[in-house]
Every structure is written in C-alpha cells, then in structure tokens.
Amino acid sequence: MTDTQAQIPLSTIIEGLLFVAAEAVTVNHLAAVTRNKVRDVETALQELSYNYQQKGMRVQRHGNRVQLVTAPEITPYIEQFLGLTSTTKLSTPALETLAIVAYRQPITRPEIDAIRGVNSDGVLRTLLSRGMIEEVGRLETVGHPALFGTTFEFLRLLGLENLEQLPTLAIDAEEIKI
C-alpha cells in the first residue's frame, strides 16, 4: 500500500467501490477488498449513509448486502431524463402478498396462502418476475417449501434504504395466526 492509498478514508474507498459495482455486494467482500475489519466497513457505511441523507444518492442495505442507489425523491427527474414512464402497477392481491412477504420474511407460499385465505401461486409468480421478491432458501420440513423474501428492487421502488424503514404495523405480525 502506498502512502497515498493509506491517506484515503475508508468511506471514500467504499463509496468508489459501490459506485462501480454492477450489483449489491456483501459487507464481507468490501472488508476483504479493502483489507479492513467488517466493523470498520460498517462504520464507513454508516458515515456514507449519513452523508448522503441530503443528496441524490443513498446507501441501500438488504441483509449483509449493500448497494449505492439514487434517492427515491428524484425518481421523477431520472425517469424524465432517461425517457422512462412507469405505467405498470401492481394489483391489490399483489400488493397484499408483497406486504405479507415484507413483514413476515422469510415466509413460505402455504403460510402466505393461510394469511390471505386464497391460493397465491399466480401473484407470487408476478412478484418474482418483477424482481420484487426472491427465493431466499428452503424450509427444513417435509417437501422443503421455498422461503420468500424481498429484494433490492423492492427497497428501491419503495424508496427504502433497508427493511427497518418499513412502517410499523398497527397490529403485531405475530398476532396473525396461520
């Protein structure tokens, strides 16, 4: 490491790495690349997140993965600049299912069906195809049903930096009996 490299703040290095990353990266990977401890990378990410609060970028987290994204409040300007139109909307059943997954993840299709009271296969396919949810594992029971969770796309479209920014529910999610 040269003297110049030693003088660059870790948050600056991580900012540059996130800027050039094509997709979300793990905190462990950032620690390995920068030859720093995970806790130091976490501190640098918190610093970046704080510094971006009043700017056009955000540090978005989903579990152990992190990504640099544009601020949700400038979406209309970005859409106009890029000539995009957002005409696709989610149906009420899709929004309902997405909310269940967001608040109860990881969750299986049978659990979603039990909460909704109807079969959710079609809605889950729609949410999967739009990149709003993803399979995050398999339950260790008979049949090994898929476990679903939300994606970075979900966070981006809702303008959230992480799942902790979801609004609190009026009722406790544990009160919902399956």
Protein backbone atom coordinates (compact mmCIF):
# COMPACT_ATOMS: atom_id res chain seq x y z
CA MET A 1 0.00 0.00 0.00
CA THR A 2 1.43 3.39 -0.98
CA ASP A 3 1.41 6.47 1.23
CA THR A 4 -1.34 7.97 -0.96
CA GLN A 5 -3.53 4.88 -0.53
CA ALA A 6 -3.03 4.96 3.24
CA GLN A 7 -4.35 8.55 3.33
CA ILE A 8 -7.65 7.79 1.59
CA PRO A 9 -10.50 7.47 4.11
CA LEU A 10 -12.16 4.05 4.15
CA SER A 11 -15.57 5.63 3.46
CA THR A 12 -14.17 7.19 0.27
CA ILE A 13 -12.79 3.86 -0.91
CA ILE A 14 -16.06 2.08 -0.19
CA GLU A 15 -18.02 4.81 -1.94
CA GLY A 16 -15.92 4.31 -5.06
CA LEU A 17 -16.30 0.53 -4.91
CA LEU A 18 -20.08 0.77 -4.53
CA PHE A 19 -20.24 3.27 -7.39
CA VAL A 20 -18.58 0.88 -9.83
CA ALA A 21 -20.29 -2.29 -8.56
CA ALA A 22 -22.82 -3.63 -11.05
CA GLU A 23 -24.92 -5.13 -8.25
CA ALA A 24 -25.12 -5.33 -4.48
CA VAL A 25 -22.01 -6.55 -2.69
CA THR A 26 -21.56 -8.11 0.72
CA VAL A 27 -20.01 -6.25 3.60
CA ASN A 28 -17.56 -9.15 3.96
CA HIS A 29 -16.41 -8.68 0.36
CA LEU A 30 -15.87 -4.95 0.96
CA ALA A 31 -13.86 -5.80 4.08
CA ALA A 32 -11.73 -8.31 2.17
CA VAL A 33 -11.05 -5.97 -0.76
CA THR A 34 -10.14 -3.04 1.49
CA ARG A 35 -8.26 -5.25 3.97
CA ASN A 36 -10.28 -3.89 6.85
CA LYS A 37 -12.39 -5.40 9.60
CA VAL A 38 -16.11 -5.81 8.99
CA ARG A 39 -16.89 -3.44 11.88
CA ASP A 40 -14.71 -0.73 10.26
CA VAL A 41 -16.56 -1.22 6.95
CA GLU A 42 -19.89 -1.00 8.81
CA THR A 43 -18.75 2.29 10.40
CA ALA A 44 -17.73 3.63 6.98
CA LEU A 45 -21.12 2.59 5.53
CA GLN A 46 -22.92 4.41 8.35
CA GLU A 47 -20.84 7.50 7.62
CA LEU A 48 -21.67 7.29 3.91
CA SER A 49 -25.35 6.81 4.65
CA TYR A 50 -25.37 9.85 6.91
CA ASN A 51 -23.50 11.97 4.35
CA TYR A 52 -25.97 11.02 1.59
CA GLN A 53 -29.09 11.99 3.56
CA GLN A 54 -29.47 15.33 1.78
CA LYS A 55 -28.01 14.28 -1.56
CA GLY A 56 -29.12 12.41 -4.66
CA MET A 57 -27.71 9.03 -3.63
CA ARG A 58 -28.44 6.53 -0.87
CA VAL A 59 -26.67 3.53 0.63
CA GLN A 60 -29.19 0.72 0.43
CA ARG A 61 -28.93 -2.40 2.61
CA HIS A 62 -30.58 -5.75 2.35
CA GLY A 63 -29.21 -8.11 4.95
CA ASN A 64 -25.45 -8.31 4.53
CA ARG A 65 -25.55 -6.83 1.01
CA VAL A 66 -25.15 -3.15 0.24
CA GLN A 67 -25.57 -1.03 -2.88
CA LEU A 68 -25.37 2.60 -3.92
CA VAL A 69 -28.69 3.80 -5.39
CA THR A 70 -30.33 7.05 -6.39
CA ALA A 71 -32.53 8.86 -3.87
CA PRO A 72 -36.22 7.96 -4.31
CA GLU A 73 -37.33 11.60 -4.27
CA ILE A 74 -35.54 12.29 -7.54
CA THR A 75 -37.19 9.39 -9.38
CA PRO A 76 -39.45 11.65 -11.49
CA TYR A 77 -36.41 13.59 -12.73
CA ILE A 78 -34.50 10.41 -13.52
CA GLU A 79 -37.48 8.98 -15.41
CA GLN A 80 -37.80 12.19 -17.42
CA PHE A 81 -34.05 12.37 -18.06
CA LEU A 82 -33.97 8.75 -19.27
CA GLY A 83 -37.28 8.98 -21.11
CA LEU A 84 -38.90 6.35 -18.93
CA THR A 85 -42.53 6.02 -17.97
CA SER A 86 -43.74 3.93 -15.08
CA THR A 87 -47.07 2.62 -16.27
CA THR A 88 -47.01 -0.79 -14.65
CA LYS A 89 -48.94 -1.09 -11.43
CA LEU A 90 -49.35 -3.97 -9.03
CA SER A 91 -52.80 -5.42 -8.40
CA THR A 92 -54.37 -5.32 -4.95
CA PRO A 93 -53.66 -9.06 -4.39
CA ALA A 94 -50.03 -8.50 -5.44
CA LEU A 95 -49.66 -5.56 -3.05
CA GLU A 96 -51.28 -7.59 -0.27
CA THR A 97 -48.92 -10.51 -0.88
CA LEU A 98 -45.91 -8.21 -1.13
CA ALA A 99 -46.80 -6.67 2.25
CA ILE A 100 -47.09 -10.13 3.81
CA VAL A 101 -43.68 -11.14 2.45
CA ALA A 102 -42.10 -7.84 3.52
CA TYR A 103 -43.27 -8.09 7.11
CA ARG A 104 -43.07 -11.85 7.65
CA GLN A 105 -39.99 -12.83 5.63
CA PRO A 106 -38.72 -15.42 5.21
CA ILE A 107 -42.12 -16.97 4.54
CA THR A 108 -43.45 -19.93 2.55
CA ARG A 109 -46.25 -19.95 0.00
CA PRO A 110 -48.51 -22.08 2.27
CA GLU A 111 -48.05 -19.51 5.06
CA ILE A 112 -48.94 -16.70 2.64
CA ASP A 113 -51.98 -18.67 1.44
CA ALA A 114 -53.11 -19.19 5.03
CA ILE A 115 -52.89 -15.48 5.81
CA ARG A 116 -54.63 -14.41 2.59
CA GLY A 117 -57.14 -17.25 2.57
CA VAL A 118 -56.60 -17.92 -1.15
CA ASN A 119 -54.01 -19.55 -3.41
CA SER A 120 -51.11 -17.18 -4.08
CA ASP A 121 -49.25 -19.04 -6.85
CA GLY A 122 -50.08 -16.54 -9.62
CA VAL A 123 -49.37 -13.49 -7.50
CA LEU A 124 -46.05 -14.93 -6.34
CA ARG A 125 -45.06 -15.62 -9.97
CA THR A 126 -45.86 -11.99 -10.82
CA LEU A 127 -43.81 -10.65 -7.90
CA LEU A 128 -40.92 -12.99 -8.75
CA SER A 129 -40.96 -11.96 -12.43
CA ARG A 130 -40.92 -8.27 -11.49
CA GLY A 131 -37.99 -8.81 -9.14
CA MET A 132 -39.89 -7.69 -6.05
CA ILE A 133 -39.38 -10.97 -4.17
CA GLU A 134 -36.95 -13.85 -4.44
CA GLU A 135 -36.45 -17.33 -3.08
CA VAL A 136 -34.14 -16.97 -0.09
CA GLY A 137 -33.94 -20.59 0.99
CA ARG A 138 -35.85 -23.78 1.70
CA LEU A 139 -37.65 -24.76 4.90
CA GLU A 140 -36.27 -27.89 6.52
CA THR A 141 -39.60 -29.75 6.65
CA VAL A 142 -41.46 -32.25 4.50
CA GLY A 143 -41.41 -31.10 0.89
CA HIS A 144 -38.80 -28.39 1.59
CA PRO A 145 -41.06 -25.46 0.61
CA ALA A 146 -39.40 -22.33 -0.76
CA LEU A 147 -38.90 -19.38 1.55
CA PHE A 148 -39.53 -15.96 0.03
CA GLY A 149 -38.11 -12.56 0.92
CA THR A 150 -37.99 -9.11 -0.62
CA THR A 151 -35.26 -7.89 -2.98
CA PHE A 152 -33.17 -4.79 -3.58
CA GLU A 153 -35.68 -3.86 -6.29
CA PHE A 154 -38.43 -3.86 -3.65
CA LEU A 155 -36.39 -1.49 -1.47
CA ARG A 156 -35.53 0.72 -4.45
CA LEU A 157 -39.11 1.04 -5.67
CA LEU A 158 -40.37 1.86 -2.18
CA GLY A 159 -37.54 4.32 -1.59
CA LEU A 160 -36.20 2.47 1.44
CA GLU A 161 -32.57 2.10 2.44
CA ASN A 162 -33.30 -1.07 4.45
CA LEU A 163 -36.17 -3.15 5.81
CA GLU A 164 -36.02 -1.38 9.18
CA GLN A 165 -37.53 1.66 7.42
CA LEU A 166 -40.79 -0.18 6.74
CA PRO A 167 -43.64 1.49 8.61
CA THR A 168 -44.62 -0.27 11.81
CA LEU A 169 -47.80 -2.32 11.68
CA ALA A 170 -50.88 -1.33 13.64
CA ILE A 171 -51.01 -4.94 14.82
CA ASP A 172 -48.16 -7.22 15.74
CA ALA A 173 -47.31 -9.52 12.85
CA GLU A 174 -47.05 -12.40 15.35
CA GLU A 175 -50.77 -11.96 16.14
CA ILE A 176 -51.63 -13.26 12.68
CA LYS A 177 -52.40 -16.93 13.22
CA ILE A 178 -51.58 -19.39 10.49
